[in-house]
């Protein structure tokens, strides 16, 4: 058997080699090229998917930054609105207080004016009463009638002398 194996001829070895090369070429043509093309296409698809994922990630990061900026801007605007409303409230408060002070001052001035008028009215009534009493006393003391110019002069003198000292207390 070993002899049969060795007895193979050069011709048979060449045919085996030729068959192997032909088989290799056929497999290369029919199998290796399509598999290689398939593998290259698959590699390109995977690379494309990675590129798209990187682009989507970059886009998502950009959108996240934009949303964060918008949120920060909205918070800033809200704080500004609150600050402005607070300032308007304080301004309105000060305006109301100023109006209340003006109204209180007006009421005080009016009350003081009313008091002064009532005081003057009371003084005039008292002066009239005093002048009548003085006339009655004077007419009883003198026992005669006096004319109107004497009457006015006596009243004026009496009020000037008595009225000032009694009202200045």
N, C-alpha and C. Protein backbone atom coordinates (compact mmCIF):
# COMPACT_ATOMS: atom_id res chain seq x y z
N UNK A 1 0.81 -1.15 0.00
CA UNK A 1 0.00 0.00 0.00
C UNK A 1 0.87 1.24 0.00
N UNK A 2 1.85 1.19 0.77
CA UNK A 2 2.78 2.27 0.77
C UNK A 2 3.41 2.42 -0.62
N UNK A 3 3.57 1.31 -1.27
CA UNK A 3 4.12 1.32 -2.59
C UNK A 3 3.17 1.97 -3.57
N UNK A 4 1.92 1.73 -3.43
CA UNK A 4 0.94 2.34 -4.33
C UNK A 4 0.93 3.87 -4.14
N UNK A 5 1.12 4.25 -2.96
CA UNK A 5 1.10 5.66 -2.67
C UNK A 5 2.31 6.33 -3.29
N UNK A 6 3.39 5.69 -3.20
CA UNK A 6 4.62 6.23 -3.75
C UNK A 6 4.61 6.09 -5.26
N UNK A 7 3.95 5.19 -5.75
CA UNK A 7 3.97 4.96 -7.18
C UNK A 7 3.14 5.99 -7.93
N UNK A 8 2.52 6.84 -7.21
CA UNK A 8 1.79 7.89 -7.89
C UNK A 8 2.78 8.61 -8.79
N UNK A 9 2.32 8.99 -9.85
CA UNK A 9 3.24 9.60 -10.80
C UNK A 9 3.19 11.11 -10.73
N UNK A 10 4.13 11.62 -11.39
CA UNK A 10 4.28 13.05 -11.47
C UNK A 10 3.04 13.61 -12.17
N UNK A 11 2.56 12.86 -13.14
CA UNK A 11 1.40 13.30 -13.86
C UNK A 11 0.20 13.43 -12.95
N UNK A 12 0.00 12.52 -12.07
CA UNK A 12 -1.13 12.56 -11.15
C UNK A 12 -0.98 13.72 -10.18
N UNK A 13 0.23 14.01 -9.74
CA UNK A 13 0.47 15.13 -8.82
C UNK A 13 0.16 16.44 -9.55
N UNK A 14 0.57 16.53 -10.79
CA UNK A 14 0.29 17.74 -11.55
C UNK A 14 -1.22 17.92 -11.75
N UNK A 15 -1.92 16.88 -12.00
CA UNK A 15 -3.36 16.97 -12.19
C UNK A 15 -4.01 17.37 -10.87
N UNK A 16 -3.54 16.83 -9.78
CA UNK A 16 -4.10 17.21 -8.49
C UNK A 16 -3.84 18.70 -8.23
N UNK A 17 -2.63 19.10 -8.54
CA UNK A 17 -2.33 20.54 -8.36
C UNK A 17 -3.19 21.38 -9.29
N UNK A 18 -3.36 20.99 -10.49
CA UNK A 18 -4.16 21.74 -11.46
C UNK A 18 -5.61 21.79 -10.99
N UNK A 19 -6.10 20.67 -10.51
CA UNK A 19 -7.48 20.64 -9.98
C UNK A 19 -7.62 21.59 -8.78
N UNK A 20 -6.61 21.57 -7.95
CA UNK A 20 -6.66 22.45 -6.77
C UNK A 20 -6.64 23.91 -7.22
N UNK A 21 -5.83 24.25 -8.16
CA UNK A 21 -5.76 25.65 -8.64
C UNK A 21 -7.06 26.02 -9.32
N UNK A 22 -7.61 25.15 -10.13
CA UNK A 22 -8.89 25.42 -10.79
C UNK A 22 -9.98 25.58 -9.75
N UNK A 23 -9.99 24.69 -8.78
CA UNK A 23 -10.99 24.79 -7.71
C UNK A 23 -10.82 26.12 -6.98
N UNK A 24 -9.57 26.50 -6.71
CA UNK A 24 -9.31 27.78 -6.03
C UNK A 24 -9.83 28.94 -6.87
N UNK A 25 -9.54 28.94 -8.17
CA UNK A 25 -9.98 30.03 -9.05
C UNK A 25 -11.50 30.07 -9.15
N UNK A 26 -12.13 28.93 -9.25
CA UNK A 26 -13.60 28.89 -9.33
C UNK A 26 -14.19 29.40 -8.01
N UNK A 27 -13.64 28.92 -6.90
CA UNK A 27 -14.15 29.38 -5.60
C UNK A 27 -13.90 30.88 -5.43
N UNK A 28 -12.75 31.32 -5.89
CA UNK A 28 -12.44 32.74 -5.80
C UNK A 28 -13.45 33.54 -6.60
N UNK A 29 -13.73 33.09 -7.81
CA UNK A 29 -14.66 33.80 -8.68
C UNK A 29 -16.08 33.72 -8.14
N UNK A 30 -16.50 32.56 -7.72
CA UNK A 30 -17.89 32.37 -7.32
C UNK A 30 -18.13 32.67 -5.83
N UNK A 31 -17.17 32.48 -4.98
CA UNK A 31 -17.43 32.59 -3.55
C UNK A 31 -16.67 33.76 -2.92
N UNK A 32 -15.40 33.87 -3.14
CA UNK A 32 -14.61 34.89 -2.44
C UNK A 32 -15.01 36.31 -2.83
N UNK A 33 -15.18 36.57 -4.14
CA UNK A 33 -15.56 37.92 -4.56
C UNK A 33 -16.92 38.34 -3.99
N UNK A 34 -17.96 37.53 -4.07
CA UNK A 34 -19.24 37.94 -3.48
C UNK A 34 -19.16 38.10 -1.97
N UNK A 35 -18.41 37.20 -1.32
CA UNK A 35 -18.28 37.32 0.14
C UNK A 35 -17.51 38.59 0.48
N UNK A 36 -16.46 38.86 -0.30
CA UNK A 36 -15.67 40.07 -0.06
C UNK A 36 -16.52 41.31 -0.30
N UNK A 37 -17.31 41.31 -1.38
CA UNK A 37 -18.20 42.44 -1.68
C UNK A 37 -19.24 42.59 -0.57
N UNK A 38 -19.81 41.47 -0.15
CA UNK A 38 -20.79 41.51 0.94
C UNK A 38 -20.16 42.08 2.21
N UNK A 39 -18.95 41.64 2.53
CA UNK A 39 -18.26 42.12 3.75
C UNK A 39 -17.95 43.61 3.64
N UNK A 40 -17.51 44.06 2.45
CA UNK A 40 -17.24 45.49 2.26
C UNK A 40 -18.52 46.31 2.40
N UNK A 41 -19.60 45.82 1.79
CA UNK A 41 -20.90 46.52 1.90
C UNK A 41 -21.36 46.57 3.36
N UNK A 42 -21.22 45.45 4.02
CA UNK A 42 -21.62 45.41 5.43
C UNK A 42 -20.77 46.35 6.27
N UNK A 43 -19.45 46.39 5.99
CA UNK A 43 -18.55 47.29 6.71
C UNK A 43 -18.93 48.74 6.44
N UNK A 44 -19.27 49.06 5.18
CA UNK A 44 -19.70 50.42 4.84
C UNK A 44 -21.01 50.78 5.55
N UNK A 45 -21.93 49.83 5.61
CA UNK A 45 -23.19 50.07 6.30
C UNK A 45 -22.96 50.32 7.79
N UNK A 46 -22.09 49.55 8.39
CA UNK A 46 -21.79 49.73 9.82
C UNK A 46 -21.12 51.08 10.04
N UNK A 47 -20.17 51.44 9.16
CA UNK A 47 -19.50 52.74 9.27
C UNK A 47 -20.52 53.87 9.10
N UNK A 48 -21.43 53.69 8.13
CA UNK A 48 -22.47 54.71 7.90
C UNK A 48 -23.37 54.82 9.13
N UNK A 49 -23.72 53.69 9.72
CA UNK A 49 -24.56 53.70 10.92
C UNK A 49 -23.85 54.41 12.07
N UNK A 50 -22.54 54.15 12.21
CA UNK A 50 -21.77 54.85 13.26
C UNK A 50 -21.72 56.35 12.99
N UNK A 51 -21.51 56.73 11.72
CA UNK A 51 -21.49 58.16 11.38
C UNK A 51 -22.84 58.82 11.66
N UNK A 52 -23.93 58.14 11.29
CA UNK A 52 -25.26 58.68 11.56
C UNK A 52 -25.51 58.78 13.06
N UNK A 53 -25.04 57.79 13.81
CA UNK A 53 -25.20 57.83 15.27
C UNK A 53 -24.42 58.99 15.86
N UNK A 54 -23.19 59.21 15.34
CA UNK A 54 -22.39 60.34 15.82
C UNK A 54 -23.06 61.67 15.49
N UNK A 55 -23.61 61.77 14.27
CA UNK A 55 -24.32 62.99 13.87
C UNK A 55 -25.56 63.20 14.74
N UNK A 56 -26.31 62.13 14.98
CA UNK A 56 -27.51 62.22 15.83
C UNK A 56 -27.13 62.62 17.25
N UNK A 57 -26.02 62.07 17.73
CA UNK A 57 -25.56 62.42 19.08
C UNK A 57 -25.16 63.89 19.13
N UNK A 58 -24.43 64.36 18.12
CA UNK A 58 -24.03 65.78 18.07
C UNK A 58 -25.26 66.68 17.98
N UNK A 59 -26.24 66.26 17.16
CA UNK A 59 -27.47 67.04 17.03
C UNK A 59 -28.24 67.06 18.36
N UNK A 60 -28.29 65.92 19.03
CA UNK A 60 -28.98 65.84 20.32
C UNK A 60 -28.28 66.72 21.35
N UNK A 61 -26.96 66.71 21.34
CA UNK A 61 -26.21 67.56 22.28
C UNK A 61 -26.47 69.03 21.98
N UNK A 62 -26.53 69.38 20.69
CA UNK A 62 -26.83 70.76 20.30
C UNK A 62 -28.23 71.15 20.76
N UNK A 63 -29.21 70.27 20.53
CA UNK A 63 -30.58 70.54 20.97
C UNK A 63 -30.66 70.66 22.49
N UNK A 64 -29.93 69.80 23.18
CA UNK A 64 -29.92 69.85 24.65
C UNK A 64 -29.35 71.19 25.11
N UNK A 65 -28.28 71.65 24.47
CA UNK A 65 -27.69 72.94 24.83
C UNK A 65 -28.67 74.07 24.53
N UNK A 66 -29.35 74.00 23.36
CA UNK A 66 -30.33 75.03 23.01
C UNK A 66 -31.47 75.05 24.01
N UNK A 67 -31.96 73.87 24.41
CA UNK A 67 -33.05 73.81 25.40
C UNK A 67 -32.59 74.34 26.74
N UNK A 68 -31.36 74.00 27.12
CA UNK A 68 -30.83 74.52 28.39
C UNK A 68 -30.72 76.03 28.34
N UNK A 69 -30.27 76.56 27.19
CA UNK A 69 -30.19 78.02 27.03
C UNK A 69 -31.58 78.65 27.09
N UNK A 70 -32.55 78.00 26.43
CA UNK A 70 -33.92 78.53 26.46
C UNK A 70 -34.49 78.51 27.87
N UNK A 71 -34.22 77.44 28.60
CA UNK A 71 -34.71 77.35 29.98
C UNK A 71 -34.05 78.42 30.83
N UNK A 72 -32.75 78.61 30.65
CA UNK A 72 -32.05 79.65 31.42
C UNK A 72 -32.60 81.03 31.06
N UNK A 73 -32.88 81.26 29.77
CA UNK A 73 -33.42 82.54 29.35
C UNK A 73 -34.83 82.73 29.92
N UNK A 74 -35.62 81.66 29.93
CA UNK A 74 -36.98 81.75 30.48
C UNK A 74 -36.93 82.06 31.97
N UNK A 75 -35.99 81.41 32.68
CA UNK A 75 -35.85 81.70 34.11
C UNK A 75 -35.43 83.14 34.32
N UNK A 76 -34.51 83.61 33.49
CA UNK A 76 -34.05 84.99 33.59
C UNK A 76 -35.20 85.96 33.31
N UNK A 77 -35.99 85.66 32.26
CA UNK A 77 -37.14 86.52 31.95
C UNK A 77 -38.16 86.49 33.09
N UNK A 78 -38.39 85.33 33.65
CA UNK A 78 -39.33 85.22 34.77
C UNK A 78 -38.84 86.05 35.95
N UNK A 79 -37.54 85.97 36.24
CA UNK A 79 -36.98 86.76 37.35
C UNK A 79 -37.12 88.25 37.05
N UNK A 80 -36.91 88.63 35.80
CA UNK A 80 -37.04 90.04 35.40
C UNK A 80 -38.49 90.50 35.54
N UNK A 81 -39.42 89.64 35.14
CA UNK A 81 -40.84 89.99 35.25
C UNK A 81 -41.23 90.15 36.71
N UNK A 82 -40.77 89.24 37.55
CA UNK A 82 -41.07 89.33 38.99
C UNK A 82 -40.45 90.61 39.56
N UNK A 83 -39.22 90.91 39.16
CA UNK A 83 -38.55 92.11 39.66
C UNK A 83 -39.30 93.36 39.22
N UNK A 84 -39.73 93.38 37.95
CA UNK A 84 -40.45 94.53 37.44
C UNK A 84 -41.81 94.69 38.13
N UNK A 85 -42.50 93.57 38.35
CA UNK A 85 -43.80 93.62 39.04
C UNK A 85 -43.61 94.10 40.47
N UNK A 86 -42.56 93.65 41.12
CA UNK A 86 -42.27 94.08 42.48
C UNK A 86 -42.00 95.59 42.51
N UNK A 87 -41.23 96.06 41.54
CA UNK A 87 -40.92 97.50 41.47
C UNK A 87 -42.20 98.30 41.23
N UNK A 88 -43.04 97.81 40.31
CA UNK A 88 -44.31 98.50 40.06
C UNK A 88 -45.16 98.52 41.32
N UNK A 89 -45.17 97.41 42.06
CA UNK A 89 -45.93 97.36 43.31
C UNK A 89 -45.40 98.35 44.33
N UNK A 90 -44.06 98.42 44.44
CA UNK A 90 -43.47 99.38 45.38
C UNK A 90 -43.78 100.81 44.95
N UNK A 91 -43.68 101.08 43.63
CA UNK A 91 -44.00 102.42 43.13
C UNK A 91 -45.45 102.78 43.43
N UNK A 92 -46.34 101.82 43.19
CA UNK A 92 -47.77 102.06 43.46
C UNK A 92 -48.01 102.27 44.95
N UNK A 93 -47.30 101.50 45.79
CA UNK A 93 -47.41 101.67 47.24
C UNK A 93 -46.99 103.08 47.64
N UNK A 94 -45.83 103.52 47.10
CA UNK A 94 -45.35 104.87 47.42
C UNK A 94 -46.32 105.93 46.92
N UNK A 95 -46.90 105.69 45.76
CA UNK A 95 -47.87 106.64 45.21
C UNK A 95 -49.10 106.73 46.10
N UNK A 96 -49.58 105.57 46.56
CA UNK A 96 -50.76 105.55 47.44
C UNK A 96 -50.45 106.25 48.76
N UNK A 97 -49.25 105.99 49.31
CA UNK A 97 -48.86 106.63 50.56
C UNK A 97 -48.77 108.14 50.37
N UNK A 98 -48.19 108.59 49.24
CA UNK A 98 -48.07 110.02 48.97
C UNK A 98 -49.47 110.65 48.84
N UNK A 99 -50.38 109.95 48.14
CA UNK A 99 -51.74 110.46 48.00
C UNK A 99 -52.42 110.53 49.37
N UNK A 100 -52.20 109.52 50.20
CA UNK A 100 -52.81 109.52 51.54
C UNK A 100 -52.26 110.67 52.37
N UNK A 101 -50.94 110.92 52.26
CA UNK A 101 -50.36 112.05 53.00
C UNK A 101 -50.94 113.37 52.52
N UNK A 102 -51.09 113.52 51.19
CA UNK A 102 -51.68 114.76 50.65
C UNK A 102 -53.11 114.93 51.16
N UNK A 103 -53.86 113.82 51.15
CA UNK A 103 -55.25 113.89 51.61
C UNK A 103 -55.30 114.24 53.10
N UNK A 104 -54.40 113.62 53.88
CA UNK A 104 -54.37 113.93 55.31
C UNK A 104 -54.00 115.39 55.53
N UNK A 105 -53.04 115.89 54.75
CA UNK A 105 -52.64 117.30 54.88
C UNK A 105 -53.80 118.22 54.48
N UNK A 106 -54.50 117.85 53.41
CA UNK A 106 -55.65 118.66 52.98
C UNK A 106 -56.73 118.67 54.05
N UNK A 107 -56.99 117.50 54.65
CA UNK A 107 -58.01 117.43 55.71
C UNK A 107 -57.56 118.24 56.92
N UNK A 108 -56.26 118.15 57.24
CA UNK A 108 -55.75 118.92 58.38
C UNK A 108 -55.88 120.42 58.12
N UNK A 109 -55.50 120.85 56.91
CA UNK A 109 -55.62 122.28 56.56
C UNK A 109 -57.09 122.71 56.62
N UNK A 110 -57.97 121.87 56.09
CA UNK A 110 -59.40 122.19 56.10
C UNK A 110 -59.91 122.27 57.54
N UNK A 111 -59.49 121.29 58.37
CA UNK A 111 -59.93 121.29 59.77
C UNK A 111 -59.39 122.52 60.49
N UNK A 112 -58.12 122.86 60.26
CA UNK A 112 -57.56 124.06 60.90
C UNK A 112 -58.28 125.31 60.44
N UNK A 113 -58.61 125.36 59.15
CA UNK A 113 -59.35 126.51 58.62
C UNK A 113 -60.73 126.59 59.26
N UNK A 114 -61.37 125.41 59.38
CA UNK A 114 -62.71 125.37 60.01
C UNK A 114 -62.62 125.80 61.48
N UNK A 115 -61.58 125.31 62.16
CA UNK A 115 -61.39 125.68 63.57
C UNK A 115 -61.17 127.18 63.69
N UNK A 116 -60.34 127.73 62.80
CA UNK A 116 -60.06 129.18 62.83
C UNK A 116 -61.32 129.98 62.56
N UNK A 117 -62.13 129.50 61.59
CA UNK A 117 -63.39 130.19 61.29
C UNK A 117 -64.34 130.14 62.48
N UNK A 118 -64.45 128.96 63.10
CA UNK A 118 -65.33 128.82 64.27
C UNK A 118 -64.82 129.67 65.43
N UNK A 119 -63.50 129.71 65.58
CA UNK A 119 -62.91 130.53 66.65
C UNK A 119 -63.22 132.00 66.41
N UNK A 120 -63.06 132.45 65.14
CA UNK A 120 -63.36 133.84 64.80
C UNK A 120 -64.84 134.14 65.00
N UNK A 121 -65.68 133.17 64.62
CA UNK A 121 -67.13 133.35 64.79
C UNK A 121 -67.47 133.47 66.27
N UNK A 122 -66.86 132.58 67.08
CA UNK A 122 -67.11 132.64 68.52
C UNK A 122 -66.62 133.96 69.11
N UNK A 123 -65.43 134.40 68.65
CA UNK A 123 -64.91 135.68 69.16
C UNK A 123 -65.83 136.83 68.78
N UNK A 124 -66.33 136.79 67.53
CA UNK A 124 -67.24 137.86 67.10
C UNK A 124 -68.53 137.85 67.92
N UNK A 125 -69.04 136.65 68.18
CA UNK A 125 -70.26 136.56 68.99
C UNK A 125 -70.00 137.08 70.40
N UNK A 126 -68.84 136.70 70.94
CA UNK A 126 -68.50 137.17 72.29
C UNK A 126 -68.33 138.68 72.30
N UNK A 127 -67.70 139.21 71.25
CA UNK A 127 -67.51 140.67 71.16
C UNK A 127 -68.86 141.36 71.07
N UNK A 128 -69.75 140.77 70.28
CA UNK A 128 -71.09 141.37 70.17
C UNK A 128 -71.80 141.33 71.53
N UNK A 129 -71.70 140.17 72.21
CA UNK A 129 -72.33 140.07 73.54
C UNK A 129 -71.71 141.07 74.51
N UNK A 130 -70.40 141.16 74.47
CA UNK A 130 -69.70 142.09 75.39
C UNK A 130 -70.09 143.53 75.06
N UNK A 131 -70.20 143.83 73.77
CA UNK A 131 -70.56 145.21 73.42
C UNK A 131 -71.98 145.54 73.87
N UNK A 132 -72.88 144.57 73.77
CA UNK A 132 -74.25 144.82 74.24
C UNK A 132 -74.26 145.02 75.76
N UNK A 133 -73.49 144.17 76.46
CA UNK A 133 -73.43 144.29 77.92
C UNK A 133 -72.80 145.63 78.29
N UNK A 134 -71.75 145.98 77.56
CA UNK A 134 -71.06 147.25 77.84
C UNK A 134 -72.01 148.42 77.58
N UNK A 135 -72.79 148.32 76.53
CA UNK A 135 -73.75 149.39 76.23
C UNK A 135 -74.79 149.51 77.34
N UNK A 136 -75.25 148.36 77.80
CA UNK A 136 -76.26 148.41 78.86
C UNK A 136 -75.65 149.00 80.13
N UNK A 137 -74.44 148.59 80.44
CA UNK A 137 -73.79 149.11 81.64
C UNK A 137 -73.51 150.59 81.48
N UNK A 138 -73.02 150.95 80.33
CA UNK A 138 -72.68 152.36 80.10
C UNK A 138 -73.95 153.21 80.14
N UNK A 139 -75.02 152.72 79.56
CA UNK A 139 -76.25 153.52 79.55
C UNK A 139 -76.81 153.64 80.96
N UNK A 140 -76.63 152.60 81.77
CA UNK A 140 -77.11 152.69 83.13
C UNK A 140 -76.22 153.61 83.94
N UNK A 141 -74.93 153.56 83.66
CA UNK A 141 -73.99 154.41 84.40
C UNK A 141 -74.22 155.85 84.00
N UNK A 142 -74.36 156.10 82.79
CA UNK A 142 -74.49 157.47 82.32
C UNK A 142 -75.93 157.94 82.46
N UNK A 143 -76.80 157.08 82.40
CA UNK A 143 -78.23 157.36 82.47
C UNK A 143 -78.65 158.30 81.35
N UNK A 144 -78.07 158.13 80.28
CA UNK A 144 -78.50 158.90 79.12
C UNK A 144 -78.22 158.09 77.88
N UNK A 145 -78.81 158.49 76.82
CA UNK A 145 -78.59 157.81 75.55
C UNK A 145 -77.36 158.39 74.88
N UNK A 146 -76.65 157.51 74.24
CA UNK A 146 -75.48 157.99 73.51
C UNK A 146 -75.73 157.76 72.03
N UNK A 147 -75.10 158.56 71.23
CA UNK A 147 -75.32 158.41 69.79
C UNK A 147 -74.50 157.22 69.25
N UNK A 148 -74.70 156.90 67.99
CA UNK A 148 -74.08 155.71 67.42
C UNK A 148 -72.57 155.86 67.28
N UNK A 149 -72.05 157.01 67.01
CA UNK A 149 -70.59 157.16 66.89
C UNK A 149 -69.94 156.98 68.25
N UNK A 150 -70.55 157.52 69.31
CA UNK A 150 -70.03 157.29 70.66
C UNK A 150 -70.13 155.81 71.01
N UNK A 151 -71.22 155.24 70.62
CA UNK A 151 -71.43 153.81 70.90
C UNK A 151 -70.33 152.98 70.25
N UNK A 152 -70.04 153.20 68.97
CA UNK A 152 -69.00 152.44 68.26
C UNK A 152 -67.63 152.68 68.88
N UNK A 153 -67.34 153.92 69.25
CA UNK A 153 -66.05 154.24 69.86
C UNK A 153 -65.89 153.53 71.20
N UNK A 154 -66.92 153.53 72.04
CA UNK A 154 -66.86 152.86 73.34
C UNK A 154 -66.66 151.35 73.17
N UNK A 155 -67.37 150.78 72.23
CA UNK A 155 -67.24 149.33 71.99
C UNK A 155 -65.83 148.99 71.55
N UNK A 156 -65.33 149.80 70.63
CA UNK A 156 -63.97 149.55 70.11
C UNK A 156 -62.95 149.68 71.22
N UNK A 157 -63.05 150.67 72.02
CA UNK A 157 -62.10 150.84 73.13
C UNK A 157 -62.21 149.67 74.11
N UNK A 158 -63.42 149.30 74.44
CA UNK A 158 -63.62 148.19 75.39
C UNK A 158 -63.02 146.89 74.85
N UNK A 159 -63.33 146.59 73.59
CA UNK A 159 -62.82 145.35 72.98
C UNK A 159 -61.30 145.39 72.89
N UNK A 160 -60.76 146.52 72.51
CA UNK A 160 -59.30 146.62 72.38
C UNK A 160 -58.62 146.41 73.72
N UNK A 161 -59.18 146.95 74.76
CA UNK A 161 -58.54 146.86 76.07
C UNK A 161 -58.84 145.55 76.77
N UNK A 162 -60.09 145.13 76.78
CA UNK A 162 -60.47 143.94 77.52
C UNK A 162 -60.29 142.70 76.68
N UNK A 163 -60.65 142.76 75.40
CA UNK A 163 -60.61 141.56 74.54
C UNK A 163 -59.21 141.01 74.37
N UNK A 164 -58.19 141.83 74.22
CA UNK A 164 -56.82 141.37 74.01
C UNK A 164 -56.26 140.67 75.23
N UNK A 165 -56.48 141.22 76.37
CA UNK A 165 -55.91 140.61 77.57
C UNK A 165 -56.59 139.30 77.92
N UNK A 166 -57.88 139.20 77.70
CA UNK A 166 -58.57 137.96 78.09
C UNK A 166 -58.35 136.85 77.06
N UNK A 167 -58.19 137.18 75.80
CA UNK A 167 -58.02 136.15 74.79
C UNK A 167 -56.58 135.68 74.61
N UNK A 168 -55.64 136.37 75.14
CA UNK A 168 -54.24 136.00 74.96
C UNK A 168 -53.79 134.94 75.96
N UNK A 169 -54.62 134.62 76.91
CA UNK A 169 -54.23 133.59 77.89
C UNK A 169 -54.17 132.34 77.16
